[in-house]
Structures are given as structure tokens and as C-alpha cells.
Amino acid sequence: MVLWQPRFVYAETDGLCYQKVSTNDKPIGKPKKVAFSSVSKIDELEYSEFVVQCTGRDYTFKAGDPNQCTVIVHNLRQLLSRYRESHVDGRAPGQSLKPARGSAKAS
């Protein structure tokens, strides 16, 4: 049996964030972030659940209903795809390649 704990969940351009909620459903405490750089896969499961698979661990969430789950998974996959497209070769947008260290011989 799984005991679900309510969380306030939101996405940013570089990851999925979540926080504990108070008894009156207000976010409390420091948000935790699942960085898109560590995400390998996002899958929709049964019973309105979805999993964010990362290096080292998986994060499982439960949406309010199956339709909401489908929308969340679709949107997270889009954000993950855009993150990956904008971080080619591990570089952030607008970041140039660092020159290689070492010596060069002029000819």
C-alpha cells in the first residue's frame, strides 16, 4: 500500500520542482528540484501516476485524474525536449565553447 503525500508541483525551464504543503494546501519549506539534466525518461503509468526516471533514482507522482496525468506528462516531455535542444554538448544557451587547454605549434 502506498501512502501519497500531497505536494505542490511546478515546472521551470531546467527542472520539475516540488514542495510540501501545509494543512491548508499552501506550499511550505524549501522547494526541491529534479533537474532535467539528470532525467532520462518520463512515463505515464496506471491510476493517474507518472514517473520521472533519473540517474540514481525515480520520482513517482500521482495526478488528480487520468486526463490531468496525460497533460502533465505531455507538457513535461516537451519541456525536457526543449531543455535538451537548448543545452547541446552540455552548454547552456548562449554559452560558447571553452578553448582547449594545451599547447599549439605555429607553422
PDB file of N, CA and C in Angstrom:
ATOM      1  N   MET A   1       0.839  -1.175   0.000  1.00  0.00           N
ATOM      2  CA  MET A   1       0.000   0.000   0.000  1.00  0.00           C
ATOM      3  C   MET A   1       0.885   1.239   0.000  1.00  0.00           C
ATOM      4  N   VAL A   2       0.525   2.218  -0.821  1.00  0.00           N
ATOM      5  CA  VAL A   2       1.280   3.459  -0.934  1.00  0.00           C
ATOM      6  C   VAL A   2       0.495   4.567  -0.258  1.00  0.00           C
ATOM      7  N   LEU A   3       1.162   5.319   0.588  1.00  0.00           N
ATOM      8  CA  LEU A   3       0.552   6.472   1.221  1.00  0.00           C
ATOM      9  C   LEU A   3       1.071   7.710   0.497  1.00  0.00           C
ATOM     10  N   TRP A   4       0.199   8.339  -0.297  1.00  0.00           N
ATOM     11  CA  TRP A   4       0.592   9.512  -1.054  1.00  0.00           C
ATOM     12  C   TRP A   4       0.626  10.727  -0.145  1.00  0.00           C
ATOM     13  N   GLN A   5       1.665  11.544  -0.303  1.00  0.00           N
ATOM     14  CA  GLN A   5       1.777  12.794   0.446  1.00  0.00           C
ATOM     15  C   GLN A   5       1.564  13.941  -0.529  1.00  0.00           C
ATOM     16  N   PRO A   6       0.642  14.855  -0.216  1.00  0.00           N
ATOM     17  CA  PRO A   6       0.381  15.955  -1.147  1.00  0.00           C
ATOM     18  C   PRO A   6       1.617  16.842  -1.320  1.00  0.00           C
ATOM     19  N   ARG A   7       1.832  17.272  -2.544  1.00  0.00           N
ATOM     20  CA  ARG A   7       2.947  18.158  -2.875  1.00  0.00           C
ATOM     21  C   ARG A   7       2.461  19.243  -3.830  1.00  0.00           C
ATOM     22  N   PHE A   8       3.074  20.418  -3.712  1.00  0.00           N
ATOM     23  CA  PHE A   8       2.870  21.494  -4.673  1.00  0.00           C
ATOM     24  C   PHE A   8       3.925  21.271  -5.747  1.00  0.00           C
ATOM     25  N   VAL A   9       3.504  21.046  -6.985  1.00  0.00           N
ATOM     26  CA  VAL A   9       4.426  20.690  -8.068  1.00  0.00           C
ATOM     27  C   VAL A   9       4.330  21.727  -9.177  1.00  0.00           C
ATOM     28  N   TYR A  10       5.486  22.145  -9.679  1.00  0.00           N
ATOM     29  CA  TYR A  10       5.528  23.081 -10.793  1.00  0.00           C
ATOM     30  C   TYR A  10       6.806  22.841 -11.598  1.00  0.00           C
ATOM     31  N   ALA A  11       6.793  23.311 -12.827  1.00  0.00           N
ATOM     32  CA  ALA A  11       7.958  23.128 -13.702  1.00  0.00           C
ATOM     33  C   ALA A  11       8.634  24.463 -13.960  1.00  0.00           C
ATOM     34  N   GLU A  12       9.938  24.404 -14.080  1.00  0.00           N
ATOM     35  CA  GLU A  12      10.746  25.531 -14.521  1.00  0.00           C
ATOM     36  C   GLU A  12      11.462  25.093 -15.787  1.00  0.00           C
ATOM     37  N   THR A  13      12.167  25.987 -16.433  1.00  0.00           N
ATOM     38  CA  THR A  13      12.815  25.646 -17.696  1.00  0.00           C
ATOM     39  C   THR A  13      13.906  24.600 -17.539  1.00  0.00           C
ATOM     40  N   ASP A  14      14.442  24.443 -16.326  1.00  0.00           N
ATOM     41  CA  ASP A  14      15.531  23.484 -16.123  1.00  0.00           C
ATOM     42  C   ASP A  14      15.180  22.312 -15.208  1.00  0.00           C
ATOM     43  N   GLY A  15      13.898  22.195 -14.816  1.00  0.00           N
ATOM     44  CA  GLY A  15      13.554  21.053 -13.987  1.00  0.00           C
ATOM     45  C   GLY A  15      12.149  21.090 -13.420  1.00  0.00           C
ATOM     46  N   LEU A  16      11.788  20.000 -12.757  1.00  0.00           N
ATOM     47  CA  LEU A  16      10.496  19.839 -12.101  1.00  0.00           C
ATOM     48  C   LEU A  16      10.708  20.084 -10.612  1.00  0.00           C
ATOM     49  N   CYS A  17       9.932  21.009 -10.051  1.00  0.00           N
ATOM     50  CA  CYS A  17      10.073  21.375  -8.646  1.00  0.00           C
ATOM     51  C   CYS A  17       8.880  20.873  -7.847  1.00  0.00           C
ATOM     52  N   TYR A  18       9.125  20.579  -6.575  1.00  0.00           N
ATOM     53  CA  TYR A  18       8.028  20.173  -5.708  1.00  0.00           C
ATOM     54  C   TYR A  18       8.311  20.616  -4.278  1.00  0.00           C
ATOM     55  N   GLN A  19       7.235  20.866  -3.531  1.00  0.00           N
ATOM     56  CA  GLN A  19       7.319  21.307  -2.143  1.00  0.00           C
ATOM     57  C   GLN A  19       6.248  20.612  -1.320  1.00  0.00           C
ATOM     58  N   LYS A  20       6.502  20.497  -0.037  1.00  0.00           N
ATOM     59  CA  LYS A  20       5.473  20.044   0.879  1.00  0.00           C
ATOM     60  C   LYS A  20       4.383  21.105   0.933  1.00  0.00           C
ATOM     61  N   VAL A  21       3.197  20.702   1.369  1.00  0.00           N
ATOM     62  CA  VAL A  21       2.103  21.662   1.541  1.00  0.00           C
ATOM     63  C   VAL A  21       1.609  21.617   2.981  1.00  0.00           C
ATOM     64  N   SER A  22       1.105  22.753   3.438  1.00  0.00           N
ATOM     65  CA  SER A  22       0.561  22.847   4.787  1.00  0.00           C
ATOM     66  C   SER A  22      -0.833  22.222   4.829  1.00  0.00           C
ATOM     67  N   THR A  23      -1.427  22.206   6.002  1.00  0.00           N
ATOM     68  CA  THR A  23      -2.766  21.633   6.146  1.00  0.00           C
ATOM     69  C   THR A  23      -3.822  22.412   5.372  1.00  0.00           C
ATOM     70  N   ASN A  24      -3.523  23.676   5.043  1.00  0.00           N
ATOM     71  CA  ASN A  24      -4.456  24.460   4.220  1.00  0.00           C
ATOM     72  C   ASN A  24      -3.982  24.560   2.766  1.00  0.00           C
ATOM     73  N   ASP A  25      -3.188  23.563   2.330  1.00  0.00           N
ATOM     74  CA  ASP A  25      -2.732  23.410   0.942  1.00  0.00           C
ATOM     75  C   ASP A  25      -1.875  24.554   0.419  1.00  0.00           C
ATOM     76  N   LYS A  26      -1.107  25.202   1.280  1.00  0.00           N
ATOM     77  CA  LYS A  26      -0.157  26.244   0.872  1.00  0.00           C
ATOM     78  C   LYS A  26       1.242  25.639   0.843  1.00  0.00           C
ATOM     79  N   PRO A  27       2.041  25.957  -0.200  1.00  0.00           N
ATOM     80  CA  PRO A  27       3.412  25.428  -0.247  1.00  0.00           C
ATOM     81  C   PRO A  27       4.228  25.909   0.954  1.00  0.00           C
ATOM     82  N   ILE A  28       4.978  24.996   1.561  1.00  0.00           N
ATOM     83  CA  ILE A  28       5.848  25.352   2.690  1.00  0.00           C
ATOM     84  C   ILE A  28       7.217  24.712   2.485  1.00  0.00           C
ATOM     85  N   GLY A  29       8.202  25.293   3.133  1.00  0.00           N
ATOM     86  CA  GLY A  29       9.546  24.733   3.062  1.00  0.00           C
ATOM     87  C   GLY A  29      10.254  25.074   1.764  1.00  0.00           C
ATOM     88  N   LYS A  30      11.469  24.600   1.690  1.00  0.00           N
ATOM     89  CA  LYS A  30      12.308  24.858   0.514  1.00  0.00           C
ATOM     90  C   LYS A  30      11.916  23.912  -0.614  1.00  0.00           C
ATOM     91  N   PRO A  31      11.725  24.461  -1.830  1.00  0.00           N
ATOM     92  CA  PRO A  31      11.413  23.578  -2.968  1.00  0.00           C
ATOM     93  C   PRO A  31      12.594  22.667  -3.298  1.00  0.00           C
ATOM     94  N   LYS A  32      12.276  21.472  -3.761  1.00  0.00           N
ATOM     95  CA  LYS A  32      13.281  20.546  -4.266  1.00  0.00           C
ATOM     96  C   LYS A  32      13.130  20.497  -5.781  1.00  0.00           C
ATOM     97  N   LYS A  33      14.248  20.309  -6.483  1.00  0.00           N
ATOM     98  CA  LYS A  33      14.198  20.310  -7.942  1.00  0.00           C
ATOM     99  C   LYS A  33      14.775  19.029  -8.513  1.00  0.00           C
ATOM    100  N   VAL A  34      14.048  18.456  -9.451  1.00  0.00           N
ATOM    101  CA  VAL A  34      14.538  17.337 -10.239  1.00  0.00           C
ATOM    102  C   VAL A  34      15.047  17.965 -11.535  1.00  0.00           C
ATOM    103  N   ALA A  35      16.354  18.086 -11.655  1.00  0.00           N
ATOM    104  CA  ALA A  35      16.961  18.774 -12.800  1.00  0.00           C
ATOM    105  C   ALA A  35      16.753  17.965 -14.082  1.00  0.00           C
ATOM    106  N   PHE A  36      16.349  18.657 -15.153  1.00  0.00           N
ATOM    107  CA  PHE A  36      16.181  17.978 -16.438  1.00  0.00           C
ATOM    108  C   PHE A  36      17.493  17.375 -16.924  1.00  0.00           C
ATOM    109  N   SER A  37      18.617  17.908 -16.481  1.00  0.00           N
ATOM    110  CA  SER A  37      19.908  17.355 -16.894  1.00  0.00           C
ATOM    111  C   SER A  37      20.104  15.923 -16.384  1.00  0.00           C
ATOM    112  N   SER A  38      19.367  15.535 -15.337  1.00  0.00           N
ATOM    113  CA  SER A  38      19.503  14.179 -14.804  1.00  0.00           C
ATOM    114  C   SER A  38      18.356  13.255 -15.219  1.00  0.00           C
ATOM    115  N   VAL A  39      17.368  13.779 -15.946  1.00  0.00           N
ATOM    116  CA  VAL A  39      16.189  12.996 -16.326  1.00  0.00           C
ATOM    117  C   VAL A  39      16.492  12.167 -17.573  1.00  0.00           C
ATOM    118  N   SER A  40      16.220  10.872 -17.484  1.00  0.00           N
ATOM    119  CA  SER A  40      16.407  10.010 -18.644  1.00  0.00           C
ATOM    120  C   SER A  40      15.086   9.740 -19.363  1.00  0.00           C
ATOM    121  N   LYS A  41      13.973   9.738 -18.611  1.00  0.00           N
ATOM    122  CA  LYS A  41      12.698   9.362 -19.213  1.00  0.00           C
ATOM    123  C   LYS A  41      11.535   9.801 -18.323  1.00  0.00           C
ATOM    124  N   ILE A  42      10.408  10.138 -18.942  1.00  0.00           N
ATOM    125  CA  ILE A  42       9.172  10.458 -18.220  1.00  0.00           C
ATOM    126  C   ILE A  42       8.087   9.555 -18.783  1.00  0.00           C
ATOM    127  N   ASP A  43       7.483   8.743 -17.905  1.00  0.00           N
ATOM    128  CA  ASP A  43       6.473   7.779 -18.347  1.00  0.00           C
ATOM    129  C   ASP A  43       5.169   7.955 -17.600  1.00  0.00           C
ATOM    130  N   GLU A  44       4.069   7.752 -18.318  1.00  0.00           N
ATOM    131  CA  GLU A  44       2.747   7.722 -17.703  1.00  0.00           C
ATOM    132  C   GLU A  44       2.461   6.287 -17.274  1.00  0.00           C
ATOM    133  N   LEU A  45       1.983   6.132 -16.058  1.00  0.00           N
ATOM    134  CA  LEU A  45       1.673   4.824 -15.502  1.00  0.00           C
ATOM    135  C   LEU A  45       0.156   4.676 -15.373  1.00  0.00           C
ATOM    136  N   GLU A  46      -0.282   3.629 -14.708  1.00  0.00           N
ATOM    137  CA  GLU A  46      -1.704   3.444 -14.432  1.00  0.00           C
ATOM    138  C   GLU A  46      -2.127   4.310 -13.242  1.00  0.00           C
ATOM    139  N   TYR A  47      -3.440   4.436 -13.058  1.00  0.00           N
ATOM    140  CA  TYR A  47      -4.019   5.086 -11.881  1.00  0.00           C
ATOM    141  C   TYR A  47      -3.591   6.540 -11.717  1.00  0.00           C
ATOM    142  N   SER A  48      -3.467   7.274 -12.818  1.00  0.00           N
ATOM    143  CA  SER A  48      -3.112   8.698 -12.819  1.00  0.00           C
ATOM    144  C   SER A  48      -1.711   8.976 -12.282  1.00  0.00           C
ATOM    145  N   GLU A  49      -0.839   7.993 -12.330  1.00  0.00           N
ATOM    146  CA  GLU A  49       0.527   8.147 -11.839  1.00  0.00           C
ATOM    147  C   GLU A  49       1.492   8.348 -13.009  1.00  0.00           C
ATOM    148  N   PHE A  50       2.581   9.051 -12.722  1.00  0.00           N
ATOM    149  CA  PHE A  50       3.655   9.171 -13.710  1.00  0.00           C
ATOM    150  C   PHE A  50       4.986   9.127 -12.982  1.00  0.00           C
ATOM    151  N   VAL A  51       6.003   8.698 -13.699  1.00  0.00           N
ATOM    152  CA  VAL A  51       7.329   8.561 -13.107  1.00  0.00           C
ATOM    153  C   VAL A  51       8.333   9.379 -13.910  1.00  0.00           C
ATOM    154  N   VAL A  52       9.212  10.063 -13.186  1.00  0.00           N
ATOM    155  CA  VAL A  52      10.327  10.801 -13.779  1.00  0.00           C
ATOM    156  C   VAL A  52      11.573   9.995 -13.424  1.00  0.00           C
ATOM    157  N   GLN A  53      12.151   9.333 -14.430  1.00  0.00           N
ATOM    158  CA  GLN A  53      13.317   8.486 -14.207  1.00  0.00           C
ATOM    159  C   GLN A  53      14.591   9.306 -14.353  1.00  0.00           C
ATOM    160  N   CYS A  54      15.434   9.214 -13.339  1.00  0.00           N
ATOM    161  CA  CYS A  54      16.678   9.978 -13.317  1.00  0.00           C
ATOM    162  C   CYS A  54      17.845   9.053 -13.036  1.00  0.00           C
ATOM    163  N   THR A  55      19.033   9.577 -13.216  1.00  0.00           N
ATOM    164  CA  THR A  55      20.215   8.827 -12.814  1.00  0.00           C
ATOM    165  C   THR A  55      20.207   8.797 -11.294  1.00  0.00           C
ATOM    166  N   GLY A  56      20.196   7.609 -10.738  1.00  0.00           N
ATOM    167  CA  GLY A  56      20.237   7.496  -9.287  1.00  0.00           C
ATOM    168  C   GLY A  56      18.922   7.185  -8.611  1.00  0.00           C
ATOM    169  N   ARG A  57      17.801   7.678  -9.153  1.00  0.00           N
ATOM    170  CA  ARG A  57      16.506   7.389  -8.536  1.00  0.00           C
ATOM    171  C   ARG A  57      15.359   7.764  -9.455  1.00  0.00           C
ATOM    172  N   ASP A  58      14.178   7.269  -9.106  1.00  0.00           N
ATOM    173  CA  ASP A  58      12.952   7.603  -9.826  1.00  0.00           C
ATOM    174  C   ASP A  58      12.040   8.399  -8.900  1.00  0.00           C
ATOM    175  N   TYR A  59      11.285   9.324  -9.475  1.00  0.00           N
ATOM    176  CA  TYR A  59      10.309  10.126  -8.735  1.00  0.00           C
ATOM    177  C   TYR A  59       8.928   9.786  -9.281  1.00  0.00           C
ATOM    178  N   THR A  60       8.044   9.315  -8.422  1.00  0.00           N
ATOM    179  CA  THR A  60       6.691   8.955  -8.846  1.00  0.00           C
ATOM    180  C   THR A  60       5.702   9.943  -8.265  1.00  0.00           C
ATOM    181  N   PHE A  61       4.820  10.442  -9.129  1.00  0.00           N
ATOM    182  CA  PHE A  61       3.799  11.410  -8.742  1.00  0.00           C
ATOM    183  C   PHE A  61       2.432  10.877  -9.138  1.00  0.00           C
ATOM    184  N   LYS A  62       1.404  11.379  -8.471  1.00  0.00           N
ATOM    185  CA  LYS A  62       0.028  10.999  -8.790  1.00  0.00           C
ATOM    186  C   LYS A  62      -0.749  12.266  -9.103  1.00  0.00           C
ATOM    187  N   ALA A  63      -1.314  12.331 -10.299  1.00  0.00           N
ATOM    188  CA  ALA A  63      -2.124  13.475 -10.718  1.00  0.00           C
ATOM    189  C   ALA A  63      -3.552  13.310 -10.195  1.00  0.00           C
ATOM    190  N   GLY A  64      -4.350  14.341 -10.354  1.00  0.00           N
ATOM    191  CA  GLY A  64      -5.725  14.317  -9.878  1.00  0.00           C
ATOM    192  C   GLY A  64      -6.616  13.329 -10.597  1.00  0.00           C
ATOM    193  N   ASP A  65      -6.388  13.140 -11.900  1.00  0.00           N
ATOM    194  CA  ASP A  65      -7.179  12.194 -12.692  1.00  0.00           C
ATOM    195  C   ASP A  65      -6.372  11.796 -13.926  1.00  0.00           C
ATOM    196  N   PRO A  66      -6.813  10.778 -14.667  1.00  0.00           N
ATOM    197  CA  PRO A  66      -6.044  10.297 -15.820  1.00  0.00           C
ATOM    198  C   PRO A  66      -5.816  11.355 -16.904  1.00  0.00           C
ATOM    199  N   ASN A  67      -6.807  12.180 -17.175  1.00  0.00           N
ATOM    200  CA  ASN A  67      -6.624  13.222 -18.195  1.00  0.00           C
ATOM    201  C   ASN A  67      -5.573  14.242 -17.772  1.00  0.00           C
ATOM    202  N   GLN A  68      -5.615  14.648 -16.515  1.00  0.00           N
ATOM    203  CA  GLN A  68      -4.630  15.585 -15.998  1.00  0.00           C
ATOM    204  C   GLN A  68      -3.224  14.967 -16.064  1.00  0.00           C
ATOM    205  N   CYS A  69      -3.134  13.696 -15.770  1.00  0.00           N
ATOM    206  CA  CYS A  69      -1.854  12.994 -15.834  1.00  0.00           C
ATOM    207  C   CYS A  69      -1.295  13.011 -17.251  1.00  0.00           C
ATOM    208  N   THR A  70      -2.149  12.722 -18.224  1.00  0.00           N
ATOM    209  CA  THR A  70      -1.725  12.716 -19.629  1.00  0.00           C
ATOM    210  C   THR A  70      -1.194  14.089 -20.039  1.00  0.00           C
ATOM    211  N   VAL A  71      -1.888  15.141 -19.635  1.00  0.00           N
ATOM    212  CA  VAL A  71      -1.462  16.511 -19.976  1.00  0.00           C
ATOM    213  C   VAL A  71      -0.135  16.842 -19.304  1.00  0.00           C
ATOM    214  N   ILE A  72       0.003  16.498 -18.035  1.00  0.00           N
ATOM    215  CA  ILE A  72       1.245  16.786 -17.309  1.00  0.00           C
ATOM    216  C   ILE A  72       2.434  16.076 -17.968  1.00  0.00           C
ATOM    217  N   VAL A  73       2.262  14.793 -18.272  1.00  0.00           N
ATOM    218  CA  VAL A  73       3.347  14.022 -18.889  1.00  0.00           C
ATOM    219  C   VAL A  73       3.718  14.616 -20.250  1.00  0.00           C
ATOM    220  N   HIS A  74       2.716  14.955 -21.054  1.00  0.00           N
ATOM    221  CA  HIS A  74       2.968  15.563 -22.365  1.00  0.00           C
ATOM    222  C   HIS A  74       3.763  16.865 -22.211  1.00  0.00           C
ATOM    223  N   ASN A  75       3.321  17.728 -21.290  1.00  0.00           N
ATOM    224  CA  ASN A  75       3.991  19.019 -21.100  1.00  0.00           C
ATOM    225  C   ASN A  75       5.406  18.856 -20.552  1.00  0.00           C
ATOM    226  N   LEU A  76       5.595  17.922 -19.628  1.00  0.00           N
ATOM    227  CA  LEU A  76       6.943  17.689 -19.099  1.00  0.00           C
ATOM    228  C   LEU A  76       7.881  17.154 -20.177  1.00  0.00           C
ATOM    229  N   ARG A  77       7.363  16.281 -21.024  1.00  0.00           N
ATOM    230  CA  ARG A  77       8.197  15.772 -22.125  1.00  0.00           C
ATOM    231  C   ARG A  77       8.590  16.895 -23.073  1.00  0.00           C
ATOM    232  N   GLN A  78       7.680  17.826 -23.332  1.00  0.00           N
ATOM    233  CA  GLN A  78       8.015  18.971 -24.190  1.00  0.00           C
ATOM    234  C   GLN A  78       9.094  19.827 -23.543  1.00  0.00           C
ATOM    235  N   LEU A  79       8.941  20.113 -22.245  1.00  0.00           N
ATOM    236  CA  LEU A  79       9.951  20.905 -21.545  1.00  0.00           C
ATOM    237  C   LEU A  79      11.305  20.208 -21.543  1.00  0.00           C
ATOM    238  N   LEU A  80      11.304  18.901 -21.319  1.00  0.00           N
ATOM    239  CA  LEU A  80      12.544  18.129 -21.333  1.00  0.00           C
ATOM    240  C   LEU A  80      13.203  18.191 -22.708  1.00  0.00           C
ATOM    241  N   SER A  81      12.407  18.057 -23.760  1.00  0.00           N
ATOM    242  CA  SER A  81      12.928  18.119 -25.119  1.00  0.00           C
ATOM    243  C   SER A  81      13.534  19.491 -25.410  1.00  0.00           C
ATOM    244  N   ARG A  82      12.835  20.546 -25.022  1.00  0.00           N
ATOM    245  CA  ARG A  82      13.365  21.903 -25.242  1.00  0.00           C
ATOM    246  C   ARG A  82      14.624  22.136 -24.429  1.00  0.00           C
ATOM    247  N   TYR A  83      14.657  21.606 -23.212  1.00  0.00           N
ATOM    248  CA  TYR A  83      15.862  21.737 -22.396  1.00  0.00           C
ATOM    249  C   TYR A  83      17.048  21.080 -23.103  1.00  0.00           C
ATOM    250  N   ARG A  84      16.829  19.864 -23.585  1.00  0.00           N
ATOM    251  CA  ARG A  84      17.916  19.145 -24.256  1.00  0.00           C
ATOM    252  C   ARG A  84      18.372  19.841 -25.529  1.00  0.00           C
ATOM    253  N   GLU A  85      17.427  20.371 -26.295  1.00  0.00           N
ATOM    254  CA  GLU A  85      17.777  21.092 -27.527  1.00  0.00           C
ATOM    255  C   GLU A  85      18.596  22.340 -27.230  1.00  0.00           C
ATOM    256  N   SER A  86      18.300  23.013 -26.126  1.00  0.00           N
ATOM    257  CA  SER A  86      18.999  24.261 -25.815  1.00  0.00           C
ATOM    258  C   SER A  86      20.305  24.041 -25.061  1.00  0.00           C
ATOM    259  N   HIS A  87      20.578  22.814 -24.650  1.00  0.00           N
ATOM    260  CA  HIS A  87      21.805  22.511 -23.925  1.00  0.00           C
ATOM    261  C   HIS A  87      22.639  21.496 -24.700  1.00  0.00           C
ATOM    262  N   VAL A  88      22.884  21.804 -25.950  1.00  0.00           N
ATOM    263  CA  VAL A  88      23.673  20.930 -26.814  1.00  0.00           C
ATOM    264  C   VAL A  88      25.102  20.866 -26.271  1.00  0.00           C
ATOM    265  N   ASP A  89      25.653  19.680 -26.248  1.00  0.00           N
ATOM    266  CA  ASP A  89      27.027  19.453 -25.776  1.00  0.00           C
ATOM    267  C   ASP A  89      27.221  19.905 -24.328  1.00  0.00           C
ATOM    268  N   GLY A  90      26.140  19.920 -23.536  1.00  0.00           N
ATOM    269  CA  GLY A  90      26.243  20.297 -22.134  1.00  0.00           C
ATOM    270  C   GLY A  90      26.370  21.787 -21.895  1.00  0.00           C
ATOM    271  N   ARG A  91      26.174  22.594 -22.945  1.00  0.00           N
ATOM    272  CA  ARG A  91      26.295  24.045 -22.806  1.00  0.00           C
ATOM    273  C   ARG A  91      24.926  24.675 -22.623  1.00  0.00           C
ATOM    274  N   ALA A  92      24.875  25.692 -21.783  1.00  0.00           N
ATOM    275  CA  ALA A  92      23.656  26.468 -21.609  1.00  0.00           C
ATOM    276  C   ALA A  92      23.477  27.371 -22.823  1.00  0.00           C
ATOM    277  N   PRO A  93      22.255  27.864 -23.082  1.00  0.00           N
ATOM    278  CA  PRO A  93      22.029  28.756 -24.224  1.00  0.00           C
ATOM    279  C   PRO A  93      22.956  29.968 -24.175  1.00  0.00           C
ATOM    280  N   GLY A  94      23.563  30.283 -25.295  1.00  0.00           N
ATOM    281  CA  GLY A  94      24.441  31.443 -25.398  1.00  0.00           C
ATOM    282  C   GLY A  94      25.847  31.215 -24.873  1.00  0.00           C
ATOM    283  N   GLN A  95      26.113  30.066 -24.301  1.00  0.00           N
ATOM    284  CA  GLN A  95      27.431  29.773 -23.761  1.00  0.00           C
ATOM    285  C   GLN A  95      28.325  29.264 -24.881  1.00  0.00           C
ATOM    286  N   SER A  96      29.504  29.855 -25.002  1.00  0.00           N
ATOM    287  CA  SER A  96      30.406  29.439 -26.067  1.00  0.00           C
ATOM    288  C   SER A  96      31.268  28.272 -25.596  1.00  0.00           C
ATOM    289  N   LEU A  97      31.861  27.606 -26.541  1.00  0.00           N
ATOM    290  CA  LEU A  97      32.777  26.520 -26.214  1.00  0.00           C
ATOM    291  C   LEU A  97      34.026  27.097 -25.591  1.00  0.00           C
ATOM    292  N   LYS A  98      34.536  26.448 -24.563  1.00  0.00           N
ATOM    293  CA  LYS A  98      35.765  26.891 -23.930  1.00  0.00           C
ATOM    294  C   LYS A  98      36.929  26.419 -24.787  1.00  0.00           C
ATOM    295  N   PRO A  99      37.957  27.278 -24.939  1.00  0.00           N
ATOM    296  CA  PRO A  99      39.118  26.839 -25.711  1.00  0.00           C
ATOM    297  C   PRO A  99      39.805  25.667 -25.017  1.00  0.00           C
ATOM    298  N   ALA A 100      40.331  24.774 -25.827  1.00  0.00           N
ATOM    299  CA  ALA A 100      41.038  23.624 -25.271  1.00  0.00           C
ATOM    300  C   ALA A 100      42.329  24.072 -24.623  1.00  0.00           C
ATOM    301  N   ARG A 101      42.670  23.424 -23.522  1.00  0.00           N
ATOM    302  CA  ARG A 101      43.930  23.732 -22.846  1.00  0.00           C
ATOM    303  C   ARG A 101      45.036  22.909 -23.492  1.00  0.00           C
ATOM    304  N   GLY A 102      46.213  23.459 -23.467  1.00  0.00           N
ATOM    305  CA  GLY A 102      47.349  22.738 -24.022  1.00  0.00           C
ATOM    306  C   GLY A 102      48.173  23.681 -24.884  1.00  0.00           C
ATOM    307  N   SER A 103      49.091  23.117 -25.585  1.00  0.00           N
ATOM    308  CA  SER A 103      49.952  23.953 -26.410  1.00  0.00           C
ATOM    309  C   SER A 103      49.659  23.709 -27.878  1.00  0.00           C
ATOM    310  N   ALA A 104      49.931  24.716 -28.649  1.00  0.00           N
ATOM    311  CA  ALA A 104      49.749  24.609 -30.091  1.00  0.00           C
ATOM    312  C   ALA A 104      51.048  25.034 -30.745  1.00  0.00           C
ATOM    313  N   LYS A 105      51.354  24.422 -31.872  1.00  0.00           N
ATOM    314  CA  LYS A 105      52.578  24.745 -32.588  1.00  0.00           C
ATOM    315  C   LYS A 105      52.198  25.554 -33.820  1.00  0.00           C
ATOM    316  N   ALA A 106      52.787  26.718 -33.924  1.00  0.00           N
ATOM    317  CA  ALA A 106      52.526  27.553 -35.094  1.00  0.00           C
ATOM    318  C   ALA A 106      53.391  27.085 -36.243  1.00  0.00           C
ATOM    319  N   SER A 107      52.817  27.110 -37.436  1.00  0.00           N
ATOM    320  CA  SER A 107      53.620  26.685 -38.580  1.00  0.00           C
ATOM    321  C   SER A 107      53.894  27.814 -39.505  1.00  0.00           C
TER     322      SER A 107
END
